[in-house]
Protein backbone atom coordinates (compact mmCIF):
# COMPACT_ATOMS: atom_id res chain seq x y z
CA MET A 1 -0.11 -0.05 -0.02
CA ARG A 2 1.18 3.49 -0.67
CA LEU A 3 -0.19 6.63 0.94
CA LEU A 4 0.40 10.25 -0.31
CA LEU A 5 0.00 12.58 2.72
CA ARG A 6 -0.15 16.35 1.97
CA ALA A 7 1.06 18.97 4.46
CA ASN A 8 -2.18 20.76 4.61
CA ALA A 9 -3.89 17.63 5.98
CA HIS A 10 -1.57 16.81 8.81
CA ARG A 11 -2.97 16.97 12.40
CA ALA A 12 -1.63 19.88 14.44
CA VAL A 13 0.06 18.91 17.70
CA ASP A 14 1.96 20.81 20.32
CA GLY A 15 4.74 22.45 18.51
CA GLY A 16 4.26 20.95 15.13
CA VAL A 17 2.17 18.48 13.15
CA GLU A 18 1.62 14.71 13.09
CA VAL A 19 2.51 13.40 9.64
CA ALA A 20 1.47 9.78 10.20
CA ALA A 21 0.59 7.50 13.09
CA SER A 22 -0.88 4.12 13.68
CA PRO A 23 -3.62 4.22 14.47
CA ASP A 24 -4.13 7.67 13.04
CA THR A 25 -7.19 8.48 14.83
CA PRO A 26 -6.58 9.09 18.53
CA THR A 27 -9.97 7.47 19.52
CA ARG A 28 -9.44 4.19 17.78
CA PRO A 29 -9.43 1.17 20.11
CA ASP A 30 -6.40 -0.31 18.25
CA PRO A 31 -3.19 -0.34 20.26
CA TRP A 32 -0.84 2.55 19.47
CA ALA A 33 2.17 1.54 17.54
CA TRP A 34 4.07 4.49 16.02
CA GLN A 35 3.89 8.12 15.03
CA ILE A 36 5.94 10.55 12.92
CA ARG A 37 5.86 14.22 13.78
CA LEU A 38 7.54 17.49 12.41
CA HIS A 39 8.45 20.08 14.94
CA HIS A 40 8.90 23.84 14.55
CA THR A 41 11.38 23.80 17.54
CA SER A 42 13.09 20.97 19.25
CA PRO A 43 10.57 18.65 20.92
CA ALA A 44 9.91 19.52 24.63
CA SER A 45 10.74 15.91 25.63
CA PRO A 46 13.22 13.42 24.24
CA ALA A 47 11.92 10.56 21.93
CA SER A 48 10.48 7.61 23.76
CA ASP A 49 12.53 4.63 24.53
CA GLY A 50 11.47 3.24 21.32
CA GLY A 51 11.92 6.44 19.34
CA ALA A 52 14.37 8.52 17.35
CA SER A 53 14.67 12.12 16.17
CA VAL A 54 16.79 14.12 13.83
CA ALA A 55 17.69 17.87 13.48
CA LEU A 56 16.81 19.22 10.18
CA GLY A 57 18.74 21.67 7.98
CA ALA A 58 18.87 25.33 8.82
CA GLY A 59 16.63 27.75 7.19
CA GLY A 60 13.81 25.44 6.59
CA ARG A 61 10.19 25.50 8.03
CA TRP A 62 10.87 22.46 10.37
CA HIS A 63 13.52 22.17 13.10
CA SER A 64 13.18 18.38 13.81
CA LEU A 65 11.54 15.22 12.97
CA ARG A 66 10.79 12.76 15.72
CA VAL A 67 9.46 9.07 15.66
CA ASP A 68 7.96 7.59 18.58
CA THR A 69 7.27 3.88 18.79
CA ASP A 70 6.16 1.11 20.88
CA PRO A 71 9.54 -0.66 21.44
CA ALA A 72 7.72 -3.94 21.73
CA LEU A 73 6.54 -3.64 18.18
CA VAL A 74 8.67 -1.36 16.24
CA ARG A 75 12.25 -0.32 15.72
CA PRO A 76 12.72 3.09 13.96
CA GLU A 77 15.65 4.13 11.70
CA LEU A 78 15.98 7.68 10.38
CA GLN A 79 18.25 9.08 7.61
CA VAL A 80 18.36 12.61 6.27
CA LEU A 81 18.82 12.73 2.53
CA ARG A 82 20.01 15.77 0.91
CA LEU A 83 19.43 14.75 -2.60
CA GLU A 84 20.99 16.55 -5.68
CA GLY A 85 19.57 13.77 -8.07
CA THR A 86 17.74 10.47 -7.99
CA THR A 87 18.11 7.68 -5.42
CA GLU A 88 16.39 4.37 -5.13
CA VAL A 89 15.06 3.46 -1.58
CA ARG A 90 14.52 -0.33 -0.89
CA ARG A 91 12.82 -1.93 1.89
CA ASP A 92 11.72 -5.31 3.14
CA GLU A 93 8.17 -6.33 2.75
CA ALA A 94 7.73 -6.24 6.64
CA ASP A 95 9.03 -2.64 6.90
CA LEU A 96 7.03 0.54 6.61
CA VAL A 97 8.93 3.28 4.85
CA ALA A 98 7.97 7.02 4.85
CA LEU A 99 9.64 9.67 2.77
CA VAL A 100 9.06 13.06 4.41
CA VAL A 101 9.96 16.13 2.40
CA THR A 102 11.32 18.66 4.96
CA ASP A 103 12.64 21.28 2.63
CA GLY A 104 12.30 21.88 -1.05
CA SER A 105 10.42 19.29 -3.22
CA ALA A 106 10.81 15.72 -4.41
CA LEU A 107 9.31 13.57 -7.27
CA VAL A 108 8.54 10.02 -5.85
CA GLU A 109 8.18 7.14 -8.36
CA ASP A 110 8.56 9.74 -11.39
CA ARG A 111 4.95 10.63 -10.77
CA HIS A 112 4.03 11.83 -7.22
CA ALA A 113 5.29 15.57 -6.72
CA LEU A 114 5.80 16.28 -3.11
CA ALA A 115 6.38 19.66 -1.54
CA THR A 116 7.63 20.71 1.90
CA GLY A 117 5.80 18.79 4.64
CA ASP A 118 4.34 16.23 2.30
CA ALA A 119 5.02 12.56 2.81
CA MET A 120 4.72 9.19 0.96
CA VAL A 121 4.30 6.03 3.09
CA PHE A 122 4.99 2.54 1.73
CA THR A 123 3.96 -0.57 3.37
CA GLY A 124 3.16 -4.19 2.40
CA ASP A 125 4.35 -5.49 -0.92
CA ASP A 126 3.77 -2.54 -3.16
CA PRO A 127 6.43 -1.26 -4.01
CA LEU A 128 9.60 -2.62 -2.55
CA ALA A 129 11.91 -0.26 -4.43
CA VAL A 130 11.03 3.45 -4.96
CA ARG A 131 12.91 6.11 -7.14
CA THR A 132 13.06 9.40 -5.54
CA THR A 133 14.30 12.56 -7.14
CA ALA A 134 14.88 15.75 -5.15
CA PRO A 135 16.74 18.63 -6.90
CA GLY A 136 18.59 20.00 -3.85
CA GLY A 137 15.78 19.20 -1.45
CA GLU A 138 15.86 17.47 1.93
CA VAL A 139 14.08 14.30 2.64
CA VAL A 140 13.97 12.34 5.64
CA LEU A 141 13.71 8.44 5.12
CA VAL A 142 11.92 7.02 8.08
CA ARG A 143 12.03 3.12 8.28
CA LEU A 144 10.05 1.38 10.70
CA ARG A 145 11.16 -2.31 11.11
CA PRO A 146 9.23 -4.83 13.07
CA VAL A 147 10.61 -6.22 16.29
CA SER A 148 8.83 -9.58 15.77
CA ASP A 149 7.84 -11.49 12.51
CA VAL A 150 4.71 -9.32 12.09
CA GLU A 151 4.80 -6.49 9.42
CA VAL A 152 4.69 -3.01 10.54
CA GLY A 153 1.31 -1.60 9.35
CA TRP A 154 -0.90 1.18 9.29
CA VAL A 155 -4.29 1.31 11.15
CA PRO A 156 -6.25 4.22 9.56
């Protein structure tokens, strides 16, 4: 499954926006597993025991990206990509990968134009390799890996 998430649809949270979460509706009865948030300033508290955060480039709209997870379910990995051309992101079928544009723009799969704050999430078996072009943009690659043999998923 692939999901295109536009910046103007993100849920406002204290100090920033929630880009994606599972479940993504706070009142859902499903157990919470993970969330990805962009912050205008440094987060008030450090990432959870199962979380990670990265500082973003100077001059952009966002100061940091933070991922919090239930460490019994998900292990996050973050990588800031300052792309000058095209790269291919590969993932295992059990992983969830989110590409979050934090400055500039990006073209994902040669067809999805993303602007600052937009994100593209990939999970399940479609696709396992993704081409991303960002002419001088900054993209954070968020990789959520399962701790057990169960895929990392999304509960909408």
